[in-house]
Amino acid sequence: MVGKKHSEATKLKIRIALLGRKTPLSIRLKQSHSAKGKNTWSKGRKLSAEHKLKVSLSLLGNKRSLGYKHSLETSEKWSNLRRGENHYNWQGGLTTLNGRIRNSLKAKQWRIQVFERDNYICQECGKQGGELNADHIKPFALYPNLRFELLNGRTLCVPCHRKTATYGAKIRGYIGSIS
């Protein structure tokens, strides 16, 4: 009934009567068609410029929505709180020293610095982006004092990195050639 308001008791009776019923596909399609072009929150809808501005202004000062990152000190503090025996998956110190060094924050920072210095471009073939490796010019295992030296690093794409004399098991031949 158009224009007539139902009482709360009638609304409740209707709600109970319709409980558990599925809306037929033909009606759902009609409802979907009637909603097209309207400014709704449905997926794929476009928002007006005015609405976008309102959303933007409402999020100002909301650090989480603006890609806020914690400071390095805070990240390290939280990391140290969940390290070693304090970590939920602690299994008695199974990680090797080599594994701890390669997965350290210092190693991750070195890798990012190498990529940024080389502008994410492979230093052998000139390919930009894609899957890149930060390669140690003087091998990580043989020169511990040069592990985190920026000048001892270069950006290589995976195929170029595999061609180096120190990639994977090829290091054994490299060690023999420098002895």
Foldseek 3Di string as FASTA:
>chain_A
DPPDDDDPVVVVVVCVVCPPPDDDPVVVVVVVVVCPPPPDPDPPDDDDPVVVVVVVVVCPPVQVVVPHDDDPVVVVVVVVCQDAPNPPPHDPPPDDPVRCVCPDPLNVVLFVVQCVVQVQAAPPPGDHDDAKDWDFQPDCVPCVVCSSPNVRTHIHHVVVLVPDCCPDPSVVVVVVVVD
